[in-house]
Structures are given as structure tokens and as C-alpha cells.
């Protein structure tokens, strides 16, 4: 009977540790991806503003500004995705697999300004410059709904991290050997977060780009397995 009680206690402690690690894992993912999204928003806005000033001052033509804006936006997007977590990268790829080309933007903006039947090459020089100007402005704008959602998720992520830390502090405070408990908490949480990143990356390779649901599962499974492994070895 005593053995069964001890097994139940061990199972309960493992479940609590895993839950706490997954909360921290989710918090870190949300915080990192929100930070990279906000960095992306700031960088493309600064880039577009600079190119617009150069075109207005005559240092470059509007055509050059539009081409540089589109190329720079796509480059910034790829760099930022490289800094995201596997989950964030998969979600971004599901929303937009790749940046649009300049020709695609020329056709879209020309039709938005001058009607659905218009052809860019038939526009006057002034009209073409207006289209180029719209492309530069557009390159500095991120999807406002996604950005606002990421701000909300950033706050949620910080809240999850704080909650996970609070649980760890409570566990350490109630442990007989507080130094050992602190080391164990740090090791398990670190392993869970690292396992989550690795699991998400492996799931991304297996499922392919733009499969956020699969990557999320991989991240949480990887985090749980890593946490349980450290718990078992400790």
C-alpha cells in the first residue's frame, strides 16, 4: 500500500513538473515570437520612411525606391523568421509563404489606384510614380491585426513565465534542501524549453513549412520528454 502511495506521489510530482515546464515553454515561445514580430514592424517602417525621404529629395527615383523597398521588406521578413521560434516561423509561413515580387505589387497597386482594368505600362510617368510611392508606403506596413494579436500574446507569454517562476519559487521554498531544489527546477525548466525548441524544429522538418499545428505538437512533446528525462535522471 505504501509503495502504491509513493508511486502515486511520484506520478503526481512528475505531472506537476511537466505542466509547469510546458507553461514556461509556451511563455518563452510567445514572448520570443512577439518580440520578433514587433522588431519586424519597426524595421520595415524605418526602412520605408528612409526610402521615401530619399525619393522625395531626389537622391533616388521613385522606381528605385519601390524596388529597394520591396527587396528590403522581403529580406527583413526572412531574417526575422530566422530569429523566430519554430512555432512562430511555421505560423508566419502559413500566413504568407514568401514575399511578393515587385511586378506583383505594381499590378496590385496600379489597379487599386486607377481601376481593375488598368495596365501599369500604359500609365503616365506621374501615375507610375504614384504607384511606386504606394509600394514604398505599403512596404513599411505590417498586418495590423497580426501585430495587435502578437502584442496581446506577448503579455500572455510574460504572464505564463511569471506564473511558472512563481510555482518554482514555491517548490523551492517548501523543499528541505533548497539549493538542490533550485538546481533541479532550473535544470528541468531549461531542458523543457530547449526540448520544446528542438521538438518544434524537428516537427517543422517532418511536416514541412506552414504547418503550425504540427509544429506546436512537436514543441510541446519535445518539451515534455526533455523535462521528464531530466526529472528521471535527477
C-alpha atoms as a PDB file:
ATOM      1  CA  UNK A   1       0.000   0.000   0.000  1.00  0.00           C
ATOM      2  CA  UNK A   2       2.866   2.315   0.912  1.00  0.00           C
ATOM      3  CA  UNK A   3       4.563   1.540  -2.420  1.00  0.00           C
ATOM      4  CA  UNK A   4       1.384   2.439  -4.307  1.00  0.00           C
ATOM      5  CA  UNK A   5       1.137   5.709  -2.408  1.00  0.00           C
ATOM      6  CA  UNK A   6       4.755   6.556  -3.223  1.00  0.00           C
ATOM      7  CA  UNK A   7       4.218   5.745  -6.903  1.00  0.00           C
ATOM      8  CA  UNK A   8       1.138   7.959  -6.965  1.00  0.00           C
ATOM      9  CA  UNK A   9       3.120  10.772  -5.362  1.00  0.00           C
ATOM     10  CA  UNK A  10       5.942  10.410  -7.883  1.00  0.00           C
ATOM     11  CA  UNK A  11       3.448  10.366 -10.768  1.00  0.00           C
ATOM     12  CA  UNK A  12       1.728  13.467  -9.384  1.00  0.00           C
ATOM     13  CA  UNK A  13       5.024  15.331  -8.934  1.00  0.00           C
ATOM     14  CA  UNK A  14       6.079  14.437 -12.473  1.00  0.00           C
ATOM     15  CA  UNK A  15       2.767  15.638 -13.869  1.00  0.00           C
ATOM     16  CA  UNK A  16       3.067  18.946 -11.992  1.00  0.00           C
ATOM     17  CA  UNK A  17       6.660  19.418 -13.156  1.00  0.00           C
ATOM     18  CA  UNK A  18       5.686  18.702 -16.750  1.00  0.00           C
ATOM     19  CA  UNK A  19       2.752  21.120 -16.581  1.00  0.00           C
ATOM     20  CA  UNK A  20       4.943  23.846 -15.111  1.00  0.00           C
ATOM     21  CA  UNK A  21       7.608  23.306 -17.773  1.00  0.00           C
ATOM     22  CA  UNK A  22       5.037  23.431 -20.567  1.00  0.00           C
ATOM     23  CA  UNK A  23       3.695  26.703 -19.162  1.00  0.00           C
ATOM     24  CA  UNK A  24       7.217  28.130 -19.220  1.00  0.00           C
ATOM     25  CA  UNK A  25       7.752  26.634 -22.682  1.00  0.00           C
ATOM     26  CA  UNK A  26       4.621  28.335 -24.015  1.00  0.00           C
ATOM     27  CA  UNK A  27       5.538  31.599 -22.314  1.00  0.00           C
ATOM     28  CA  UNK A  28       9.000  31.686 -23.860  1.00  0.00           C
ATOM     29  CA  UNK A  29       7.648  30.857 -27.323  1.00  0.00           C
ATOM     30  CA  UNK A  30       5.020  33.602 -27.112  1.00  0.00           C
ATOM     31  CA  UNK A  31       7.452  36.184 -25.759  1.00  0.00           C
ATOM     32  CA  UNK A  32      10.163  35.489 -28.340  1.00  0.00           C
ATOM     33  CA  UNK A  33       7.805  35.441 -31.309  1.00  0.00           C
ATOM     34  CA  UNK A  34       6.032  38.600 -30.164  1.00  0.00           C
ATOM     35  CA  UNK A  35       9.366  40.397 -29.787  1.00  0.00           C
ATOM     36  CA  UNK A  36      10.497  39.387 -33.280  1.00  0.00           C
ATOM     37  CA  UNK A  37       7.175  40.489 -34.774  1.00  0.00           C
ATOM     38  CA  UNK A  38       7.424  43.906 -33.160  1.00  0.00           C
ATOM     39  CA  UNK A  39      11.053  44.184 -34.314  1.00  0.00           C
ATOM     40  CA  UNK A  40       9.898  43.371 -37.853  1.00  0.00           C
ATOM     41  CA  UNK A  41       7.233  46.090 -37.670  1.00  0.00           C
ATOM     42  CA  UNK A  42       9.764  48.689 -36.505  1.00  0.00           C
ATOM     43  CA  UNK A  43      12.391  47.764 -39.076  1.00  0.00           C
ATOM     44  CA  UNK A  44      10.154  47.823 -42.150  1.00  0.00           C
ATOM     45  CA  UNK A  45       8.637  51.146 -41.058  1.00  0.00           C
ATOM     46  CA  UNK A  46      12.077  52.713 -40.596  1.00  0.00           C
ATOM     47  CA  UNK A  47      13.204  51.316 -43.958  1.00  0.00           C
ATOM     48  CA  UNK A  48      10.160  52.673 -45.810  1.00  0.00           C
ATOM     49  CA  UNK A  49      10.459  56.105 -44.184  1.00  0.00           C
ATOM     50  CA  UNK A  50      14.109  56.398 -45.204  1.00  0.00           C
ATOM     51  CA  UNK A  51      13.456  55.380 -48.806  1.00  0.00           C
ATOM     52  CA  UNK A  52      10.509  57.766 -49.071  1.00  0.00           C
ATOM     53  CA  UNK A  53      12.684  60.666 -47.883  1.00  0.00           C
ATOM     54  CA  UNK A  54      15.389  59.742 -50.403  1.00  0.00           C
ATOM     55  CA  UNK A  55      12.851  59.676 -53.238  1.00  0.00           C
ATOM     56  CA  UNK A  56      11.248  62.971 -52.203  1.00  0.00           C
ATOM     57  CA  UNK A  57      14.662  64.656 -52.007  1.00  0.00           C
ATOM     58  CA  UNK A  58      15.609  63.327 -55.455  1.00  0.00           C
ATOM     59  CA  UNK A  59      18.520  61.218 -54.259  1.00  0.00           C
ATOM     60  CA  UNK A  60      16.878  58.178 -55.898  1.00  0.00           C
ATOM     61  CA  UNK A  61      13.946  57.776 -58.265  1.00  0.00           C
ATOM     62  CA  UNK A  62      10.572  56.503 -57.087  1.00  0.00           C
ATOM     63  CA  UNK A  63      11.127  53.378 -59.184  1.00  0.00           C
ATOM     64  CA  UNK A  64      14.395  52.703 -57.363  1.00  0.00           C
ATOM     65  CA  UNK A  65      12.743  53.387 -54.012  1.00  0.00           C
ATOM     66  CA  UNK A  66       9.952  50.915 -54.781  1.00  0.00           C
ATOM     67  CA  UNK A  67      12.365  48.201 -55.876  1.00  0.00           C
ATOM     68  CA  UNK A  68      14.592  48.663 -52.819  1.00  0.00           C
ATOM     69  CA  UNK A  69      11.571  48.773 -50.511  1.00  0.00           C
ATOM     70  CA  UNK A  70      10.172  45.505 -51.811  1.00  0.00           C
ATOM     71  CA  UNK A  71      13.518  43.725 -51.753  1.00  0.00           C
ATOM     72  CA  UNK A  72      14.349  45.050 -48.279  1.00  0.00           C
ATOM     73  CA  UNK A  73      10.988  44.063 -46.850  1.00  0.00           C
ATOM     74  CA  UNK A  74      11.345  40.503 -48.130  1.00  0.00           C
ATOM     75  CA  UNK A  75      14.899  40.321 -46.771  1.00  0.00           C
ATOM     76  CA  UNK A  76      13.860  41.652 -43.349  1.00  0.00           C
ATOM     77  CA  UNK A  77      10.983  39.166 -43.284  1.00  0.00           C
ATOM     78  CA  UNK A  78      13.337  36.235 -43.884  1.00  0.00           C
ATOM     79  CA  UNK A  79      15.855  37.450 -41.294  1.00  0.00           C
ATOM     80  CA  UNK A  80      13.149  37.914 -38.669  1.00  0.00           C
ATOM     81  CA  UNK A  81      11.690  34.480 -39.386  1.00  0.00           C
ATOM     82  CA  UNK A  82      15.148  33.037 -38.821  1.00  0.00           C
ATOM     83  CA  UNK A  83      15.091  34.536 -35.322  1.00  0.00           C
ATOM     84  CA  UNK A  84      11.611  33.247 -34.506  1.00  0.00           C
ATOM     85  CA  UNK A  85      10.830  30.010 -32.695  1.00  0.00           C
ATOM     86  CA  UNK A  86       9.861  27.015 -34.874  1.00  0.00           C
ATOM     87  CA  UNK A  87       6.222  27.609 -33.921  1.00  0.00           C
ATOM     88  CA  UNK A  88       6.367  31.293 -34.834  1.00  0.00           C
ATOM     89  CA  UNK A  89       8.124  30.547 -38.108  1.00  0.00           C
ATOM     90  CA  UNK A  90       5.550  27.923 -39.093  1.00  0.00           C
ATOM     91  CA  UNK A  91       2.696  30.288 -38.263  1.00  0.00           C
ATOM     92  CA  UNK A  92       4.257  33.091 -40.301  1.00  0.00           C
ATOM     93  CA  UNK A  93       4.782  30.773 -43.265  1.00  0.00           C
ATOM     94  CA  UNK A  94       1.177  29.605 -43.072  1.00  0.00           C
ATOM     95  CA  UNK A  95       0.020  33.243 -43.310  1.00  0.00           C
ATOM     96  CA  UNK A  96       2.486  34.188 -46.062  1.00  0.00           C
ATOM     97  CA  UNK A  97       4.766  31.615 -47.625  1.00  0.00           C
ATOM     98  CA  UNK A  98       7.015  34.181 -49.294  1.00  0.00           C
ATOM     99  CA  UNK A  99       7.212  37.883 -50.074  1.00  0.00           C
ATOM    100  CA  UNK A 100       5.602  39.308 -53.206  1.00  0.00           C
ATOM    101  CA  UNK A 101       7.656  40.391 -56.214  1.00  0.00           C
ATOM    102  CA  UNK A 102       7.834  43.982 -57.428  1.00  0.00           C
ATOM    103  CA  UNK A 103       5.814  43.146 -60.543  1.00  0.00           C
ATOM    104  CA  UNK A 104       3.031  41.675 -58.421  1.00  0.00           C
ATOM    105  CA  UNK A 105       2.944  44.815 -56.316  1.00  0.00           C
ATOM    106  CA  UNK A 106       2.986  47.066 -59.397  1.00  0.00           C
ATOM    107  CA  UNK A 107      -0.065  45.336 -60.816  1.00  0.00           C
ATOM    108  CA  UNK A 108      -1.928  45.362 -57.484  1.00  0.00           C
ATOM    109  CA  UNK A 109      -1.242  48.988 -56.583  1.00  0.00           C
ATOM    110  CA  UNK A 110      -1.950  50.228 -60.113  1.00  0.00           C
ATOM    111  CA  UNK A 111      -5.363  48.550 -60.036  1.00  0.00           C
ATOM    112  CA  UNK A 112      -6.096  49.872 -56.572  1.00  0.00           C
ATOM    113  CA  UNK A 113      -5.327  53.436 -57.661  1.00  0.00           C
ATOM    114  CA  UNK A 114      -6.656  53.518 -61.225  1.00  0.00           C
ATOM    115  CA  UNK A 115      -9.114  50.675 -61.630  1.00  0.00           C
ATOM    116  CA  UNK A 116      -9.162  46.907 -62.222  1.00  0.00           C
ATOM    117  CA  UNK A 117      -8.575  47.122 -65.983  1.00  0.00           C
ATOM    118  CA  UNK A 118      -5.529  49.384 -65.871  1.00  0.00           C
ATOM    119  CA  UNK A 119      -2.095  48.288 -67.078  1.00  0.00           C
ATOM    120  CA  UNK A 120       0.917  49.811 -65.331  1.00  0.00           C
ATOM    121  CA  UNK A 121       2.934  50.328 -68.542  1.00  0.00           C
ATOM    122  CA  UNK A 122       0.127  52.449 -70.011  1.00  0.00           C
ATOM    123  CA  UNK A 123       0.114  54.920 -67.106  1.00  0.00           C
ATOM    124  CA  UNK A 124       1.704  58.346 -67.324  1.00  0.00           C
ATOM    125  CA  UNK A 125       5.033  58.987 -65.608  1.00  0.00           C
ATOM    126  CA  UNK A 126       3.269  60.841 -62.786  1.00  0.00           C
ATOM    127  CA  UNK A 127       0.792  57.988 -62.318  1.00  0.00           C
ATOM    128  CA  UNK A 128       3.597  55.426 -62.292  1.00  0.00           C
ATOM    129  CA  UNK A 129       5.438  57.433 -59.627  1.00  0.00           C
ATOM    130  CA  UNK A 130       2.246  57.452 -57.569  1.00  0.00           C
ATOM    131  CA  UNK A 131       2.134  53.652 -57.835  1.00  0.00           C
ATOM    132  CA  UNK A 132       5.794  53.413 -56.829  1.00  0.00           C
ATOM    133  CA  UNK A 133       5.074  55.680 -53.861  1.00  0.00           C
ATOM    134  CA  UNK A 134       2.259  53.419 -52.707  1.00  0.00           C
ATOM    135  CA  UNK A 135       4.567  50.414 -52.887  1.00  0.00           C
ATOM    136  CA  UNK A 136       7.112  52.190 -50.676  1.00  0.00           C
ATOM    137  CA  UNK A 137       4.413  53.068 -48.129  1.00  0.00           C
ATOM    138  CA  UNK A 138       2.991  49.559 -48.256  1.00  0.00           C
ATOM    139  CA  UNK A 139       6.436  48.046 -47.630  1.00  0.00           C
ATOM    140  CA  UNK A 140       6.537  49.865 -44.287  1.00  0.00           C
ATOM    141  CA  UNK A 141       3.237  48.482 -43.055  1.00  0.00           C
ATOM    142  CA  UNK A 142       2.687  45.153 -41.315  1.00  0.00           C
ATOM    143  CA  UNK A 143      -0.652  43.403 -40.930  1.00  0.00           C
ATOM    144  CA  UNK A 144      -2.231  45.429 -38.075  1.00  0.00           C
ATOM    145  CA  UNK A 145      -4.419  42.555 -36.888  1.00  0.00           C
ATOM    146  CA  UNK A 146      -1.437  40.211 -36.608  1.00  0.00           C
ATOM    147  CA  UNK A 147       0.681  42.859 -34.869  1.00  0.00           C
ATOM    148  CA  UNK A 148      -2.050  43.637 -32.340  1.00  0.00           C
ATOM    149  CA  UNK A 149      -2.580  39.951 -31.694  1.00  0.00           C
ATOM    150  CA  UNK A 150       1.125  39.461 -31.125  1.00  0.00           C
ATOM    151  CA  UNK A 151       1.149  42.316 -28.601  1.00  0.00           C
ATOM    152  CA  UNK A 152      -1.604  40.541 -26.689  1.00  0.00           C
ATOM    153  CA  UNK A 153       0.259  37.228 -26.900  1.00  0.00           C
ATOM    154  CA  UNK A 154       3.417  38.934 -25.660  1.00  0.00           C
ATOM    155  CA  UNK A 155       1.629  39.986 -22.489  1.00  0.00           C
ATOM    156  CA  UNK A 156       0.179  36.496 -22.136  1.00  0.00           C
ATOM    157  CA  UNK A 157       3.627  34.969 -22.618  1.00  0.00           C
ATOM    158  CA  UNK A 158       5.160  37.142 -19.908  1.00  0.00           C
ATOM    159  CA  UNK A 159       2.295  36.164 -17.612  1.00  0.00           C
ATOM    160  CA  UNK A 160       2.937  32.463 -18.200  1.00  0.00           C
ATOM    161  CA  UNK A 161       6.639  32.888 -17.473  1.00  0.00           C
ATOM    162  CA  UNK A 162       5.883  34.753 -14.237  1.00  0.00           C
ATOM    163  CA  UNK A 163       3.424  32.027 -13.215  1.00  0.00           C
ATOM    164  CA  UNK A 164       5.974  29.288 -13.926  1.00  0.00           C
ATOM    165  CA  UNK A 165       8.615  31.125 -11.901  1.00  0.00           C
ATOM    166  CA  UNK A 166       6.166  31.569  -9.033  1.00  0.00           C
ATOM    167  CA  UNK A 167       5.475  27.812  -8.969  1.00  0.00           C
ATOM    168  CA  UNK A 168       9.224  27.097  -8.966  1.00  0.00           C
ATOM    169  CA  UNK A 169       9.793  29.556  -6.125  1.00  0.00           C
ATOM    170  CA  UNK A 170       7.007  27.905  -4.126  1.00  0.00           C
ATOM    171  CA  UNK A 171       8.520  24.462  -4.755  1.00  0.00           C
ATOM    172  CA  UNK A 172      11.979  25.620  -3.685  1.00  0.00           C
ATOM    173  CA  UNK A 173      10.635  27.382  -0.583  1.00  0.00           C
ATOM    174  CA  UNK A 174       8.931  24.190   0.599  1.00  0.00           C
ATOM    175  CA  UNK A 175      11.863  21.877  -0.138  1.00  0.00           C
ATOM    176  CA  UNK A 176      14.100  20.508   2.620  1.00  0.00           C
ATOM    177  CA  UNK A 177      17.229  21.058   0.529  1.00  0.00           C
ATOM    178  CA  UNK A 178      16.592  24.402  -1.148  1.00  0.00           C
ATOM    179  CA  UNK A 179      19.886  24.522  -3.051  1.00  0.00           C
ATOM    180  CA  UNK A 180      19.268  21.117  -4.630  1.00  0.00           C
ATOM    181  CA  UNK A 181      15.656  22.033  -5.340  1.00  0.00           C
ATOM    182  CA  UNK A 182      16.707  25.254  -7.051  1.00  0.00           C
ATOM    183  CA  UNK A 183      19.191  23.369  -9.239  1.00  0.00           C
ATOM    184  CA  UNK A 184      16.580  20.797 -10.152  1.00  0.00           C
ATOM    185  CA  UNK A 185      13.977  23.439 -11.017  1.00  0.00           C
ATOM    186  CA  UNK A 186      16.436  25.300 -13.228  1.00  0.00           C
ATOM    187  CA  UNK A 187      17.635  22.127 -14.955  1.00  0.00           C
ATOM    188  CA  UNK A 188      14.145  20.802 -15.679  1.00  0.00           C
ATOM    189  CA  UNK A 189      12.773  24.121 -16.900  1.00  0.00           C
ATOM    190  CA  UNK A 190      15.806  24.800 -19.114  1.00  0.00           C
ATOM    191  CA  UNK A 191      15.641  21.293 -20.565  1.00  0.00           C
ATOM    192  CA  UNK A 192      11.910  21.653 -21.212  1.00  0.00           C
ATOM    193  CA  UNK A 193      12.340  24.928 -23.075  1.00  0.00           C
ATOM    194  CA  UNK A 194      15.287  23.591 -25.075  1.00  0.00           C
ATOM    195  CA  UNK A 195      13.382  20.386 -25.799  1.00  0.00           C
ATOM    196  CA  UNK A 196      10.421  22.444 -26.949  1.00  0.00           C
ATOM    197  CA  UNK A 197      12.556  24.374 -29.435  1.00  0.00           C
ATOM    198  CA  UNK A 198      14.185  21.179 -30.714  1.00  0.00           C
ATOM    199  CA  UNK A 199      10.875  19.325 -30.924  1.00  0.00           C
ATOM    200  CA  UNK A 200       9.286  22.172 -32.851  1.00  0.00           C
ATOM    201  CA  UNK A 201      12.212  22.328 -35.265  1.00  0.00           C
ATOM    202  CA  UNK A 202      12.082  18.566 -35.906  1.00  0.00           C
ATOM    203  CA  UNK A 203       8.318  18.725 -36.420  1.00  0.00           C
ATOM    204  CA  UNK A 204       8.834  21.555 -38.889  1.00  0.00           C
ATOM    205  CA  UNK A 205      11.242  19.427 -40.896  1.00  0.00           C
ATOM    206  CA  UNK A 206       8.856  16.470 -40.818  1.00  0.00           C
ATOM    207  CA  UNK A 207       5.659  18.378 -41.601  1.00  0.00           C
ATOM    208  CA  UNK A 208       7.134  20.955 -43.942  1.00  0.00           C
ATOM    209  CA  UNK A 209       6.779  24.757 -43.818  1.00  0.00           C
ATOM    210  CA  UNK A 210       3.491  26.379 -42.940  1.00  0.00           C
ATOM    211  CA  UNK A 211       2.197  23.617 -40.629  1.00  0.00           C
ATOM    212  CA  UNK A 212       1.824  25.408 -37.274  1.00  0.00           C
ATOM    213  CA  UNK A 213      -0.432  22.780 -35.662  1.00  0.00           C
ATOM    214  CA  UNK A 214       2.124  20.040 -36.276  1.00  0.00           C
ATOM    215  CA  UNK A 215       4.989  22.216 -35.019  1.00  0.00           C
ATOM    216  CA  UNK A 216       3.069  23.177 -31.866  1.00  0.00           C
ATOM    217  CA  UNK A 217       2.544  19.486 -31.073  1.00  0.00           C
ATOM    218  CA  UNK A 218       6.233  18.806 -31.700  1.00  0.00           C
ATOM    219  CA  UNK A 219       7.263  21.679 -29.428  1.00  0.00           C
ATOM    220  CA  UNK A 220       5.096  20.527 -26.543  1.00  0.00           C
ATOM    221  CA  UNK A 221       6.016  16.871 -26.919  1.00  0.00           C
ATOM    222  CA  UNK A 222       9.694  17.768 -27.111  1.00  0.00           C
ATOM    223  CA  UNK A 223       9.406  19.939 -24.017  1.00  0.00           C
ATOM    224  CA  UNK A 224       7.568  17.272 -22.047  1.00  0.00           C
ATOM    225  CA  UNK A 225      10.006  14.496 -22.971  1.00  0.00           C
ATOM    226  CA  UNK A 226      13.017  16.634 -22.089  1.00  0.00           C
ATOM    227  CA  UNK A 227      11.512  17.630 -18.743  1.00  0.00           C
ATOM    228  CA  UNK A 228      10.577  14.047 -17.856  1.00  0.00           C
ATOM    229  CA  UNK A 229      14.049  12.882 -18.868  1.00  0.00           C
ATOM    230  CA  UNK A 230      15.784  15.350 -16.543  1.00  0.00           C
ATOM    231  CA  UNK A 231      13.294  14.538 -13.771  1.00  0.00           C
ATOM    232  CA  UNK A 232      14.113  10.846 -14.154  1.00  0.00           C
ATOM    233  CA  UNK A 233      17.879  11.414 -14.172  1.00  0.00           C
ATOM    234  CA  UNK A 234      17.936  13.840 -11.253  1.00  0.00           C
END
